[in-house]
Amino acid sequence: MDDCEGLANAGQLLSDAGRAKRRYKTVDLPVSGHKVRIRSLTERELSEYQTVTVTRRGLGLRRARLEDANRRLIVLCLVDGAGNRLLNDSHADKLAEWDSADTSFLYEEAANFVGLNKEDVEGLVKASERTLVDDSPSDSPA
């Protein structure tokens, strides 16, 4: 039997049927006990998240963006029962005060659900280790 039998063609992949449909998952946070709902992301949303996380100044990663990457993914994925985002981007800082067991758990659940793996982010960090820079008001040399 031919392994190529039944493969999708370009027309099928690019049709409306190939477009992403939101997926949802409900999880219970281990410490607070809150039940929350996370959503899947489109390729565009995931790419935008990754781009913001790895915004480059010259060749370096912006340290502050890397440090809050987990919280920003949580904010992006948390939704209500109707699928609307619960939090906006400005809420990411407030999650820094949550119990880390809840944020770690929720980040892992969201990352797995949207197809983001820790190795992707670690690879970006390792590739830029030598040029890691802090956010600063000026790019001018000291």
N, C-alpha and C. Protein backbone atom coordinates (compact mmCIF):
# COMPACT_ATOMS: atom_id res chain seq x y z
N MET A 1 0.85 -1.18 0.00
CA MET A 1 0.00 0.00 0.00
C MET A 1 0.89 1.25 0.00
N ASP A 2 0.50 2.23 -0.74
CA ASP A 2 1.27 3.47 -0.88
C ASP A 2 1.03 4.38 0.32
N ASP A 3 2.13 4.87 0.96
CA ASP A 3 2.03 5.77 2.11
C ASP A 3 1.44 7.12 1.74
N CYS A 4 1.42 7.45 0.47
CA CYS A 4 0.94 8.76 0.02
C CYS A 4 -0.56 8.77 -0.19
N GLU A 5 -1.20 7.63 -0.10
CA GLU A 5 -2.63 7.55 -0.30
C GLU A 5 -3.37 8.35 0.78
N GLY A 6 -4.31 9.16 0.39
CA GLY A 6 -5.13 9.90 1.33
C GLY A 6 -4.51 11.19 1.85
N LEU A 7 -3.36 11.60 1.31
CA LEU A 7 -2.74 12.84 1.75
C LEU A 7 -3.55 14.05 1.28
N ALA A 8 -3.58 15.06 2.11
CA ALA A 8 -4.28 16.30 1.75
C ALA A 8 -3.49 17.02 0.67
N ASN A 9 -4.22 17.73 -0.19
CA ASN A 9 -3.55 18.55 -1.19
C ASN A 9 -3.57 20.01 -0.73
N ALA A 10 -2.91 20.88 -1.49
CA ALA A 10 -2.82 22.30 -1.13
C ALA A 10 -4.19 22.93 -0.99
N GLY A 11 -5.08 22.62 -1.88
CA GLY A 11 -6.43 23.19 -1.82
C GLY A 11 -7.14 22.84 -0.53
N GLN A 12 -6.99 21.60 -0.09
CA GLN A 12 -7.62 21.18 1.15
C GLN A 12 -6.99 21.87 2.35
N LEU A 13 -5.67 21.98 2.34
CA LEU A 13 -4.98 22.62 3.46
C LEU A 13 -5.31 24.10 3.58
N LEU A 14 -5.50 24.75 2.46
CA LEU A 14 -5.74 26.19 2.46
C LEU A 14 -7.22 26.57 2.48
N SER A 15 -8.10 25.59 2.47
CA SER A 15 -9.54 25.87 2.49
C SER A 15 -9.98 26.27 3.89
N ASP A 16 -11.21 26.72 3.98
CA ASP A 16 -11.77 27.08 5.29
C ASP A 16 -11.74 25.90 6.26
N ALA A 17 -11.86 24.68 5.72
CA ALA A 17 -11.85 23.50 6.58
C ALA A 17 -10.50 23.32 7.25
N GLY A 18 -9.43 23.86 6.66
CA GLY A 18 -8.11 23.76 7.23
C GLY A 18 -7.81 24.83 8.26
N ARG A 19 -8.69 25.81 8.36
CA ARG A 19 -8.47 26.90 9.32
C ARG A 19 -8.65 26.42 10.74
N ALA A 20 -7.92 27.04 11.63
CA ALA A 20 -7.95 26.64 13.04
C ALA A 20 -9.32 26.88 13.66
N LYS A 21 -9.74 25.93 14.42
CA LYS A 21 -10.94 26.07 15.24
C LYS A 21 -10.44 26.06 16.68
N ARG A 22 -10.97 26.94 17.47
CA ARG A 22 -10.54 27.02 18.87
C ARG A 22 -10.81 25.70 19.57
N ARG A 23 -9.84 25.32 20.36
CA ARG A 23 -9.99 24.18 21.26
C ARG A 23 -9.91 24.74 22.67
N TYR A 24 -10.55 24.06 23.61
CA TYR A 24 -10.56 24.52 25.00
C TYR A 24 -10.27 23.35 25.93
N LYS A 25 -9.72 23.70 27.08
CA LYS A 25 -9.43 22.71 28.10
C LYS A 25 -9.65 23.37 29.46
N THR A 26 -10.28 22.64 30.36
CA THR A 26 -10.51 23.13 31.71
C THR A 26 -9.57 22.39 32.66
N VAL A 27 -8.92 23.15 33.54
CA VAL A 27 -7.98 22.56 34.50
C VAL A 27 -8.25 23.14 35.88
N ASP A 28 -7.88 22.40 36.91
CA ASP A 28 -7.98 22.85 38.29
C ASP A 28 -6.59 23.20 38.77
N LEU A 29 -6.43 24.42 39.29
CA LEU A 29 -5.13 24.85 39.80
C LEU A 29 -4.83 24.11 41.10
N PRO A 30 -3.59 23.64 41.26
CA PRO A 30 -3.27 22.77 42.40
C PRO A 30 -3.30 23.44 43.77
N VAL A 31 -3.00 24.74 43.86
CA VAL A 31 -2.95 25.40 45.16
C VAL A 31 -4.24 26.15 45.46
N SER A 32 -4.65 27.03 44.57
CA SER A 32 -5.85 27.83 44.82
C SER A 32 -7.12 27.01 44.66
N GLY A 33 -7.05 25.95 43.86
CA GLY A 33 -8.24 25.14 43.61
C GLY A 33 -9.17 25.73 42.58
N HIS A 34 -8.84 26.90 42.04
CA HIS A 34 -9.70 27.51 41.02
C HIS A 34 -9.74 26.64 39.78
N LYS A 35 -10.92 26.57 39.17
CA LYS A 35 -11.08 25.89 37.90
C LYS A 35 -10.98 26.96 36.82
N VAL A 36 -10.10 26.79 35.85
CA VAL A 36 -9.91 27.77 34.79
C VAL A 36 -9.96 27.08 33.43
N ARG A 37 -10.23 27.89 32.43
CA ARG A 37 -10.33 27.38 31.06
C ARG A 37 -9.23 28.02 30.22
N ILE A 38 -8.54 27.21 29.45
CA ILE A 38 -7.53 27.73 28.54
C ILE A 38 -7.97 27.45 27.11
N ARG A 39 -7.46 28.28 26.20
CA ARG A 39 -7.81 28.13 24.79
C ARG A 39 -6.57 27.82 23.97
N SER A 40 -6.81 27.27 22.80
CA SER A 40 -5.73 27.06 21.85
C SER A 40 -5.41 28.40 21.19
N LEU A 41 -4.30 28.45 20.50
CA LEU A 41 -3.89 29.65 19.77
C LEU A 41 -3.76 29.33 18.29
N THR A 42 -3.95 30.33 17.48
CA THR A 42 -3.67 30.16 16.06
C THR A 42 -2.16 30.28 15.87
N GLU A 43 -1.68 29.90 14.74
CA GLU A 43 -0.26 30.04 14.44
C GLU A 43 0.16 31.50 14.55
N ARG A 44 -0.69 32.42 14.08
CA ARG A 44 -0.39 33.85 14.17
C ARG A 44 -0.24 34.31 15.62
N GLU A 45 -1.17 33.91 16.47
CA GLU A 45 -1.11 34.30 17.89
C GLU A 45 0.14 33.74 18.57
N LEU A 46 0.47 32.49 18.29
CA LEU A 46 1.66 31.90 18.89
C LEU A 46 2.92 32.59 18.39
N SER A 47 2.97 32.89 17.10
CA SER A 47 4.13 33.58 16.54
C SER A 47 4.30 34.97 17.14
N GLU A 48 3.18 35.68 17.32
CA GLU A 48 3.25 37.01 17.93
C GLU A 48 3.75 36.92 19.37
N TYR A 49 3.26 35.93 20.11
CA TYR A 49 3.73 35.72 21.48
C TYR A 49 5.24 35.46 21.50
N GLN A 50 5.69 34.58 20.63
CA GLN A 50 7.12 34.26 20.57
C GLN A 50 7.94 35.47 20.15
N THR A 51 7.43 36.25 19.22
CA THR A 51 8.15 37.43 18.75
C THR A 51 8.31 38.44 19.88
N VAL A 52 7.26 38.66 20.65
CA VAL A 52 7.34 39.59 21.77
C VAL A 52 8.31 39.07 22.83
N THR A 53 8.28 37.76 23.05
CA THR A 53 9.18 37.15 24.03
C THR A 53 10.63 37.32 23.62
N VAL A 54 10.89 37.25 22.36
CA VAL A 54 12.26 37.25 21.86
C VAL A 54 12.52 38.52 21.05
N THR A 55 11.92 39.62 21.45
CA THR A 55 12.18 40.88 20.78
C THR A 55 13.67 41.13 20.83
N ARG A 56 14.21 41.48 19.72
CA ARG A 56 15.66 41.64 19.65
C ARG A 56 16.07 43.10 19.65
N ARG A 57 17.12 43.35 20.35
CA ARG A 57 17.84 44.62 20.33
C ARG A 57 19.21 44.23 19.85
N GLY A 58 19.53 44.57 18.68
CA GLY A 58 20.76 44.05 18.13
C GLY A 58 20.58 42.56 18.00
N LEU A 59 21.39 41.79 18.70
CA LEU A 59 21.27 40.34 18.66
C LEU A 59 20.79 39.77 19.98
N GLY A 60 20.50 40.62 20.97
CA GLY A 60 20.20 40.11 22.30
C GLY A 60 18.73 39.97 22.59
N LEU A 61 18.42 39.08 23.52
CA LEU A 61 17.06 38.94 24.02
C LEU A 61 16.82 40.02 25.07
N ARG A 62 15.61 40.49 25.14
CA ARG A 62 15.28 41.45 26.19
C ARG A 62 14.94 40.66 27.44
N ARG A 63 15.77 40.80 28.48
CA ARG A 63 15.65 40.01 29.70
C ARG A 63 14.26 40.09 30.33
N ALA A 64 13.69 41.27 30.43
CA ALA A 64 12.38 41.42 31.07
C ALA A 64 11.30 40.65 30.32
N ARG A 65 11.37 40.59 29.01
CA ARG A 65 10.37 39.87 28.23
C ARG A 65 10.49 38.38 28.45
N LEU A 66 11.70 37.91 28.66
CA LEU A 66 11.92 36.49 28.91
C LEU A 66 11.42 36.13 30.31
N GLU A 67 11.65 37.02 31.27
CA GLU A 67 11.25 36.75 32.64
C GLU A 67 9.74 36.67 32.82
N ASP A 68 8.98 37.43 32.04
CA ASP A 68 7.53 37.38 32.20
C ASP A 68 6.83 36.56 31.12
N ALA A 69 7.59 35.80 30.35
CA ALA A 69 7.02 35.02 29.25
C ALA A 69 5.97 34.03 29.73
N ASN A 70 6.20 33.36 30.85
CA ASN A 70 5.22 32.40 31.37
C ASN A 70 3.90 33.10 31.69
N ARG A 71 4.00 34.22 32.38
CA ARG A 71 2.78 34.94 32.77
C ARG A 71 2.04 35.48 31.55
N ARG A 72 2.77 35.93 30.55
CA ARG A 72 2.12 36.45 29.35
C ARG A 72 1.39 35.35 28.57
N LEU A 73 1.94 34.13 28.57
CA LEU A 73 1.23 33.03 27.90
C LEU A 73 -0.05 32.69 28.66
N ILE A 74 0.03 32.69 29.99
CA ILE A 74 -1.16 32.42 30.80
C ILE A 74 -2.25 33.45 30.49
N VAL A 75 -1.89 34.71 30.48
CA VAL A 75 -2.85 35.79 30.20
C VAL A 75 -3.47 35.62 28.81
N LEU A 76 -2.67 35.21 27.86
CA LEU A 76 -3.14 35.04 26.48
C LEU A 76 -4.11 33.87 26.35
N CYS A 77 -3.93 32.84 27.16
CA CYS A 77 -4.72 31.62 27.02
C CYS A 77 -5.94 31.52 27.93
N LEU A 78 -5.97 32.24 29.04
CA LEU A 78 -7.11 32.13 29.96
C LEU A 78 -8.36 32.77 29.36
N VAL A 79 -9.46 32.01 29.35
CA VAL A 79 -10.71 32.51 28.78
C VAL A 79 -11.89 32.16 29.69
N ASP A 80 -12.99 32.84 29.44
CA ASP A 80 -14.22 32.54 30.18
C ASP A 80 -14.99 31.44 29.45
N GLY A 81 -16.17 31.15 29.93
CA GLY A 81 -16.99 30.10 29.35
C GLY A 81 -17.38 30.33 27.90
N ALA A 82 -17.41 31.59 27.48
CA ALA A 82 -17.76 31.92 26.10
C ALA A 82 -16.53 31.98 25.19
N GLY A 83 -15.35 31.78 25.77
CA GLY A 83 -14.13 31.81 24.97
C GLY A 83 -13.48 33.17 24.87
N ASN A 84 -13.97 34.14 25.64
CA ASN A 84 -13.38 35.48 25.63
C ASN A 84 -12.24 35.55 26.64
N ARG A 85 -11.18 36.26 26.29
CA ARG A 85 -10.05 36.39 27.21
C ARG A 85 -10.51 36.96 28.54
N LEU A 86 -10.03 36.38 29.63
CA LEU A 86 -10.34 36.86 30.97
C LEU A 86 -9.49 38.06 31.34
N LEU A 87 -8.23 38.04 30.92
CA LEU A 87 -7.26 39.05 31.31
C LEU A 87 -6.68 39.72 30.09
N ASN A 88 -6.20 40.94 30.27
CA ASN A 88 -5.50 41.59 29.17
C ASN A 88 -4.01 41.61 29.47
N ASP A 89 -3.23 42.05 28.51
CA ASP A 89 -1.78 41.99 28.63
C ASP A 89 -1.25 42.70 29.88
N SER A 90 -1.93 43.74 30.31
CA SER A 90 -1.44 44.48 31.48
C SER A 90 -1.58 43.69 32.78
N HIS A 91 -2.32 42.60 32.77
CA HIS A 91 -2.49 41.78 33.97
C HIS A 91 -1.32 40.83 34.22
N ALA A 92 -0.42 40.68 33.27
CA ALA A 92 0.69 39.73 33.43
C ALA A 92 1.50 40.02 34.69
N ASP A 93 1.74 41.29 34.98
CA ASP A 93 2.51 41.65 36.18
C ASP A 93 1.80 41.21 37.46
N LYS A 94 0.48 41.25 37.47
CA LYS A 94 -0.26 40.87 38.67
C LYS A 94 -0.11 39.37 38.97
N LEU A 95 0.13 38.58 37.94
CA LEU A 95 0.31 37.14 38.15
C LEU A 95 1.61 36.82 38.87
N ALA A 96 2.52 37.78 38.94
CA ALA A 96 3.79 37.58 39.64
C ALA A 96 3.56 37.35 41.13
N GLU A 97 2.40 37.74 41.64
CA GLU A 97 2.09 37.57 43.06
C GLU A 97 1.34 36.28 43.34
N TRP A 98 1.00 35.52 42.31
CA TRP A 98 0.34 34.23 42.49
C TRP A 98 1.31 33.22 43.07
N ASP A 99 0.79 32.16 43.63
CA ASP A 99 1.62 31.05 44.08
C ASP A 99 2.30 30.44 42.86
N SER A 100 3.59 30.23 42.93
CA SER A 100 4.34 29.75 41.77
C SER A 100 3.93 28.34 41.35
N ALA A 101 3.39 27.55 42.27
CA ALA A 101 2.92 26.21 41.89
C ALA A 101 1.74 26.33 40.92
N ASP A 102 0.86 27.30 41.16
CA ASP A 102 -0.27 27.52 40.25
C ASP A 102 0.20 28.06 38.91
N THR A 103 1.09 29.05 38.93
CA THR A 103 1.53 29.63 37.65
C THR A 103 2.36 28.62 36.86
N SER A 104 3.20 27.85 37.52
CA SER A 104 4.00 26.84 36.81
C SER A 104 3.10 25.78 36.19
N PHE A 105 2.13 25.33 36.97
CA PHE A 105 1.18 24.33 36.47
C PHE A 105 0.41 24.87 35.28
N LEU A 106 -0.11 26.08 35.42
CA LEU A 106 -0.93 26.66 34.36
C LEU A 106 -0.11 26.94 33.10
N TYR A 107 1.12 27.42 33.27
CA TYR A 107 1.99 27.63 32.12
C TYR A 107 2.24 26.32 31.38
N GLU A 108 2.57 25.26 32.11
CA GLU A 108 2.84 23.96 31.47
C GLU A 108 1.61 23.46 30.73
N GLU A 109 0.45 23.58 31.35
CA GLU A 109 -0.79 23.15 30.69
C GLU A 109 -1.04 23.96 29.41
N ALA A 110 -0.91 25.28 29.51
CA ALA A 110 -1.15 26.13 28.35
C ALA A 110 -0.11 25.88 27.25
N ALA A 111 1.15 25.80 27.64
CA ALA A 111 2.22 25.59 26.65
C ALA A 111 2.01 24.28 25.91
N ASN A 112 1.73 23.22 26.63
CA ASN A 112 1.47 21.93 25.98
C ASN A 112 0.25 22.00 25.07
N PHE A 113 -0.78 22.68 25.53
CA PHE A 113 -2.03 22.76 24.78
C PHE A 113 -1.86 23.53 23.46
N VAL A 114 -1.01 24.54 23.45
CA VAL A 114 -0.82 25.34 22.23
C VAL A 114 0.36 24.85 21.38
N GLY A 115 1.05 23.82 21.85
CA GLY A 115 2.14 23.26 21.06
C GLY A 115 3.48 23.94 21.25
N LEU A 116 3.63 24.63 22.36
CA LEU A 116 4.89 25.30 22.67
C LEU A 116 5.65 24.41 23.65
N ASN A 117 6.91 24.15 23.35
CA ASN A 117 7.65 23.33 24.31
C ASN A 117 8.84 24.10 24.86
N LYS A 118 9.23 23.69 26.05
CA LYS A 118 10.29 24.37 26.78
C LYS A 118 11.59 24.41 25.98
N GLU A 119 11.85 23.38 25.20
CA GLU A 119 13.07 23.32 24.41
C GLU A 119 13.13 24.46 23.38
N ASP A 120 11.98 24.87 22.84
CA ASP A 120 11.95 25.98 21.89
C ASP A 120 12.49 27.25 22.53
N VAL A 121 11.97 27.58 23.71
CA VAL A 121 12.39 28.80 24.40
C VAL A 121 13.84 28.66 24.87
N GLU A 122 14.19 27.50 25.42
CA GLU A 122 15.57 27.29 25.88
C GLU A 122 16.56 27.41 24.73
N GLY A 123 16.19 26.92 23.55
CA GLY A 123 17.05 27.02 22.38
C GLY A 123 17.29 28.47 21.99
N LEU A 124 16.25 29.28 22.07
CA LEU A 124 16.40 30.70 21.76
C LEU A 124 17.33 31.38 22.76
N VAL A 125 17.19 30.99 24.03
CA VAL A 125 18.02 31.58 25.07
C VAL A 125 19.47 31.18 24.87
N LYS A 126 19.71 29.90 24.64
CA LYS A 126 21.09 29.42 24.46
C LYS A 126 21.75 30.08 23.26
N ALA A 127 21.00 30.25 22.18
CA ALA A 127 21.56 30.85 20.98
C ALA A 127 21.94 32.31 21.21
N SER A 128 21.29 32.94 22.18
CA SER A 128 21.54 34.36 22.43
C SER A 128 22.21 34.63 23.77
N GLU A 129 22.66 33.58 24.46
CA GLU A 129 23.25 33.74 25.79
C GLU A 129 24.32 34.83 25.86
N ARG A 130 25.17 34.85 24.89
CA ARG A 130 26.29 35.78 24.93
C ARG A 130 25.87 37.22 24.71
N THR A 131 24.66 37.41 24.17
CA THR A 131 24.25 38.78 23.87
C THR A 131 23.01 39.19 24.64
N LEU A 132 22.70 38.47 25.74
CA LEU A 132 21.54 38.80 26.55
C LEU A 132 21.70 40.22 27.10
N VAL A 133 20.67 41.05 26.88
CA VAL A 133 20.74 42.43 27.34
C VAL A 133 19.55 42.77 28.20
N ASP A 134 19.73 43.70 29.11
CA ASP A 134 18.63 44.21 29.90
C ASP A 134 17.88 45.25 29.10
N ASP A 135 16.61 45.41 29.41
CA ASP A 135 15.85 46.53 28.84
C ASP A 135 16.46 47.79 29.39
N SER A 136 16.77 48.70 28.54
CA SER A 136 17.31 49.98 29.01
C SER A 136 16.77 51.08 28.14
N PRO A 137 16.75 52.32 28.65
CA PRO A 137 16.17 53.40 27.88
C PRO A 137 17.00 53.79 26.66
N SER A 138 18.23 53.33 26.60
CA SER A 138 19.10 53.75 25.51
C SER A 138 19.91 52.59 25.00
N ASP A 139 20.10 52.56 23.69
CA ASP A 139 20.95 51.57 23.09
C ASP A 139 22.37 52.09 22.88
N SER A 140 22.60 53.32 23.31
CA SER A 140 23.90 53.91 23.07
C SER A 140 24.96 53.27 23.97
N PRO A 141 26.18 53.15 23.47
CA PRO A 141 27.23 52.55 24.28
C PRO A 141 27.55 53.40 25.49
N ALA A 142 27.94 52.73 26.56
CA ALA A 142 28.26 53.46 27.81
C ALA A 142 29.63 54.06 27.75
